[in-house]
Amino acid sequence: MTDEPEETVAWQAMRYKCPVLDADGNIIGEAMSLLGDESADIFHGIAVHHHALGRLLEVPAASIPRITNQKVFTALTPEEAAALRPYREEHWYHLGWGGLFRKHPEWDDSQLPRHLLPKE
């Protein structure tokens, strides 16, 4: 962490390896990659290294209500975080800083828990 005040930032400004929190404020892991299309300003989510599971998982953008200059906040319970889909690099095209990627061809919001689906 830094001494600077915590402020909300755009998804493209997410810090590499910043803490990712569950809905209760517990750290579930570290943000390793942004998943999205920077040129079209489309944010799909992040790849998080889940501490307890020891592997990379994909957190969909619909599960991320806020990103700050210090943390990524999710709306996931610990159980939902542990049940996230594994990150699969072959579905992404590399664009930038060790992790800015293009669109995910199989993104499917139907796999999200009901309370995390976008409101219509």
C-alpha atoms as a PDB file:
ATOM      1  CA  MET A   1       0.000   0.000   0.000  1.00  0.00           C
ATOM      2  CA  THR A   2       0.981   3.609  -0.322  1.00  0.00           C
ATOM      3  CA  ASP A   3       0.668   6.711   1.831  1.00  0.00           C
ATOM      4  CA  GLU A   4      -1.550   8.382  -0.764  1.00  0.00           C
ATOM      5  CA  PRO A   5      -5.280   8.674  -0.027  1.00  0.00           C
ATOM      6  CA  GLU A   6      -7.457   5.918  -1.452  1.00  0.00           C
ATOM      7  CA  GLU A   7      -9.364   7.117  -4.532  1.00  0.00           C
ATOM      8  CA  THR A   8     -11.584   5.428  -7.097  1.00  0.00           C
ATOM      9  CA  VAL A   9      -9.816   5.001 -10.456  1.00  0.00           C
ATOM     10  CA  ALA A  10     -10.751   3.847 -13.957  1.00  0.00           C
ATOM     11  CA  TRP A  11     -10.292   0.157 -14.679  1.00  0.00           C
ATOM     12  CA  GLN A  12      -7.233   0.854 -16.859  1.00  0.00           C
ATOM     13  CA  ALA A  13      -5.484   2.386 -13.811  1.00  0.00           C
ATOM     14  CA  MET A  14      -5.749  -0.730 -11.626  1.00  0.00           C
ATOM     15  CA  ARG A  15      -2.414  -1.396  -9.940  1.00  0.00           C
ATOM     16  CA  TYR A  16      -0.620  -4.645 -10.699  1.00  0.00           C
ATOM     17  CA  LYS A  17      -0.692  -7.047  -7.726  1.00  0.00           C
ATOM     18  CA  CYS A  18      -2.991  -4.846  -5.655  1.00  0.00           C
ATOM     19  CA  PRO A  19      -5.160  -6.674  -3.080  1.00  0.00           C
ATOM     20  CA  VAL A  20      -8.516  -8.030  -4.255  1.00  0.00           C
ATOM     21  CA  LEU A  21     -11.205  -8.070  -1.549  1.00  0.00           C
ATOM     22  CA  ASP A  22     -14.344 -10.150  -1.166  1.00  0.00           C
ATOM     23  CA  ALA A  23     -17.713  -8.602  -0.223  1.00  0.00           C
ATOM     24  CA  ASP A  24     -16.784  -8.781   3.491  1.00  0.00           C
ATOM     25  CA  GLY A  25     -13.506  -6.885   2.945  1.00  0.00           C
ATOM     26  CA  ASN A  26     -11.243  -9.941   3.301  1.00  0.00           C
ATOM     27  CA  ILE A  27      -8.274 -10.201   0.927  1.00  0.00           C
ATOM     28  CA  ILE A  28      -8.818 -13.097  -1.471  1.00  0.00           C
ATOM     29  CA  GLY A  29      -5.749 -12.529  -3.606  1.00  0.00           C
ATOM     30  CA  GLU A  30      -3.773 -10.202  -5.870  1.00  0.00           C
ATOM     31  CA  ALA A  31      -4.822  -8.606  -9.157  1.00  0.00           C
ATOM     32  CA  MET A  32      -2.523 -10.013 -11.835  1.00  0.00           C
ATOM     33  CA  SER A  33      -4.135  -8.881 -15.111  1.00  0.00           C
ATOM     34  CA  LEU A  34      -6.807  -6.641 -16.539  1.00  0.00           C
ATOM     35  CA  LEU A  35      -9.246  -8.361 -18.880  1.00  0.00           C
ATOM     36  CA  GLY A  36     -10.755  -6.045 -21.450  1.00  0.00           C
ATOM     37  CA  ASP A  37     -10.353  -4.101 -24.646  1.00  0.00           C
ATOM     38  CA  GLU A  38      -8.578  -0.835 -23.916  1.00  0.00           C
ATOM     39  CA  SER A  39      -9.159   0.678 -27.366  1.00  0.00           C
ATOM     40  CA  ALA A  40     -12.939   0.177 -27.062  1.00  0.00           C
ATOM     41  CA  ASP A  41     -12.944   0.929 -23.295  1.00  0.00           C
ATOM     42  CA  ILE A  42     -14.651  -2.385 -22.535  1.00  0.00           C
ATOM     43  CA  PHE A  43     -13.828  -3.870 -19.126  1.00  0.00           C
ATOM     44  CA  HIS A  44     -14.448  -7.612 -18.794  1.00  0.00           C
ATOM     45  CA  GLY A  45     -12.834  -8.200 -15.403  1.00  0.00           C
ATOM     46  CA  ILE A  46      -9.522  -9.210 -13.863  1.00  0.00           C
ATOM     47  CA  ALA A  47      -7.353 -12.254 -13.351  1.00  0.00           C
ATOM     48  CA  VAL A  48      -6.741 -12.703  -9.633  1.00  0.00           C
ATOM     49  CA  HIS A  49      -4.191 -14.952  -7.965  1.00  0.00           C
ATOM     50  CA  HIS A  50      -6.396 -16.557  -5.299  1.00  0.00           C
ATOM     51  CA  HIS A  51      -4.259 -16.960  -2.165  1.00  0.00           C
ATOM     52  CA  ALA A  52      -6.089 -19.948  -0.636  1.00  0.00           C
ATOM     53  CA  LEU A  53      -6.343 -21.874  -3.926  1.00  0.00           C
ATOM     54  CA  GLY A  54      -2.929 -20.866  -5.265  1.00  0.00           C
ATOM     55  CA  ARG A  55      -4.148 -20.318  -8.839  1.00  0.00           C
ATOM     56  CA  LEU A  56      -5.393 -17.652 -11.229  1.00  0.00           C
ATOM     57  CA  LEU A  57      -9.140 -17.123 -11.495  1.00  0.00           C
ATOM     58  CA  GLU A  58     -11.237 -14.759 -13.640  1.00  0.00           C
ATOM     59  CA  VAL A  59     -13.360 -12.186 -11.817  1.00  0.00           C
ATOM     60  CA  PRO A  60     -16.045 -10.793 -14.165  1.00  0.00           C
ATOM     61  CA  ALA A  61     -16.501  -7.022 -14.292  1.00  0.00           C
ATOM     62  CA  ALA A  62     -20.096  -7.392 -13.041  1.00  0.00           C
ATOM     63  CA  SER A  63     -18.613  -8.632  -9.745  1.00  0.00           C
ATOM     64  CA  ILE A  64     -16.341  -5.585  -9.326  1.00  0.00           C
ATOM     65  CA  PRO A  65     -18.218  -2.537  -8.012  1.00  0.00           C
ATOM     66  CA  ARG A  66     -15.099  -0.445  -7.334  1.00  0.00           C
ATOM     67  CA  ILE A  67     -11.408  -0.182  -8.152  1.00  0.00           C
ATOM     68  CA  THR A  68      -9.202   2.213  -6.241  1.00  0.00           C
ATOM     69  CA  ASN A  69      -5.568   3.223  -6.506  1.00  0.00           C
ATOM     70  CA  GLN A  70      -4.920   0.666  -3.730  1.00  0.00           C
ATOM     71  CA  LYS A  71      -7.474  -2.193  -3.968  1.00  0.00           C
ATOM     72  CA  VAL A  72     -10.062  -4.008  -6.052  1.00  0.00           C
ATOM     73  CA  PHE A  73     -13.410  -4.463  -4.307  1.00  0.00           C
ATOM     74  CA  THR A  74     -15.644  -7.355  -5.366  1.00  0.00           C
ATOM     75  CA  ALA A  75     -19.225  -8.287  -4.485  1.00  0.00           C
ATOM     76  CA  LEU A  76     -18.242 -11.958  -4.135  1.00  0.00           C
ATOM     77  CA  THR A  77     -18.694 -14.075  -1.034  1.00  0.00           C
ATOM     78  CA  PRO A  78     -15.682 -16.235  -0.135  1.00  0.00           C
ATOM     79  CA  GLU A  79     -17.529 -19.251  -1.577  1.00  0.00           C
ATOM     80  CA  GLU A  80     -18.285 -17.457  -4.856  1.00  0.00           C
ATOM     81  CA  ALA A  81     -14.665 -16.295  -5.124  1.00  0.00           C
ATOM     82  CA  ALA A  82     -13.419 -19.861  -4.694  1.00  0.00           C
ATOM     83  CA  ALA A  83     -15.849 -21.068  -7.372  1.00  0.00           C
ATOM     84  CA  LEU A  84     -14.730 -18.611 -10.080  1.00  0.00           C
ATOM     85  CA  ARG A  85     -13.700 -19.930 -13.477  1.00  0.00           C
ATOM     86  CA  PRO A  86      -9.962 -20.603 -13.887  1.00  0.00           C
ATOM     87  CA  TYR A  87      -8.089 -18.012 -15.896  1.00  0.00           C
ATOM     88  CA  ARG A  88      -7.292 -19.353 -19.386  1.00  0.00           C
ATOM     89  CA  GLU A  89      -4.723 -17.211 -21.178  1.00  0.00           C
ATOM     90  CA  GLU A  90      -5.431 -18.709 -24.596  1.00  0.00           C
ATOM     91  CA  HIS A  91      -8.741 -16.818 -24.640  1.00  0.00           C
ATOM     92  CA  TRP A  92      -7.042 -13.434 -24.391  1.00  0.00           C
ATOM     93  CA  TYR A  93      -4.801 -11.410 -26.662  1.00  0.00           C
ATOM     94  CA  HIS A  94      -1.924  -9.601 -25.002  1.00  0.00           C
ATOM     95  CA  LEU A  95      -1.993  -5.807 -25.250  1.00  0.00           C
ATOM     96  CA  GLY A  96       0.138  -4.325 -22.500  1.00  0.00           C
ATOM     97  CA  TRP A  97       1.682  -4.306 -18.999  1.00  0.00           C
ATOM     98  CA  GLY A  98       1.916  -7.976 -18.157  1.00  0.00           C
ATOM     99  CA  GLY A  99      -1.777  -8.213 -18.379  1.00  0.00           C
ATOM    100  CA  LEU A 100      -3.973  -5.916 -20.431  1.00  0.00           C
ATOM    101  CA  PHE A 101      -5.986  -8.179 -22.707  1.00  0.00           C
ATOM    102  CA  ARG A 102      -8.693  -8.140 -25.349  1.00  0.00           C
ATOM    103  CA  LYS A 103     -12.216  -9.511 -25.365  1.00  0.00           C
ATOM    104  CA  HIS A 104     -13.086 -12.904 -23.929  1.00  0.00           C
ATOM    105  CA  PRO A 105     -14.901 -14.917 -26.619  1.00  0.00           C
ATOM    106  CA  GLU A 106     -16.820 -17.093 -24.145  1.00  0.00           C
ATOM    107  CA  TRP A 107     -17.853 -14.546 -21.508  1.00  0.00           C
ATOM    108  CA  ASP A 108     -21.231 -15.649 -20.195  1.00  0.00           C
ATOM    109  CA  ASP A 109     -23.029 -13.721 -17.450  1.00  0.00           C
ATOM    110  CA  SER A 110     -25.398 -16.668 -16.938  1.00  0.00           C
ATOM    111  CA  GLN A 111     -22.677 -18.252 -14.776  1.00  0.00           C
ATOM    112  CA  LEU A 112     -22.824 -15.405 -12.262  1.00  0.00           C
ATOM    113  CA  PRO A 113     -24.855 -15.727  -9.070  1.00  0.00           C
ATOM    114  CA  ARG A 114     -28.228 -13.996  -9.444  1.00  0.00           C
ATOM    115  CA  HIS A 115     -27.403 -11.060  -7.149  1.00  0.00           C
ATOM    116  CA  LEU A 116     -24.322 -10.220  -9.275  1.00  0.00           C
ATOM    117  CA  LEU A 117     -26.113 -10.044 -12.628  1.00  0.00           C
ATOM    118  CA  PRO A 118     -26.421  -6.565 -14.162  1.00  0.00           C
ATOM    119  CA  LYS A 119     -29.695  -4.840 -13.289  1.00  0.00           C
ATOM    120  CA  GLU A 120     -32.066  -4.405 -16.236  1.00  0.00           C
END
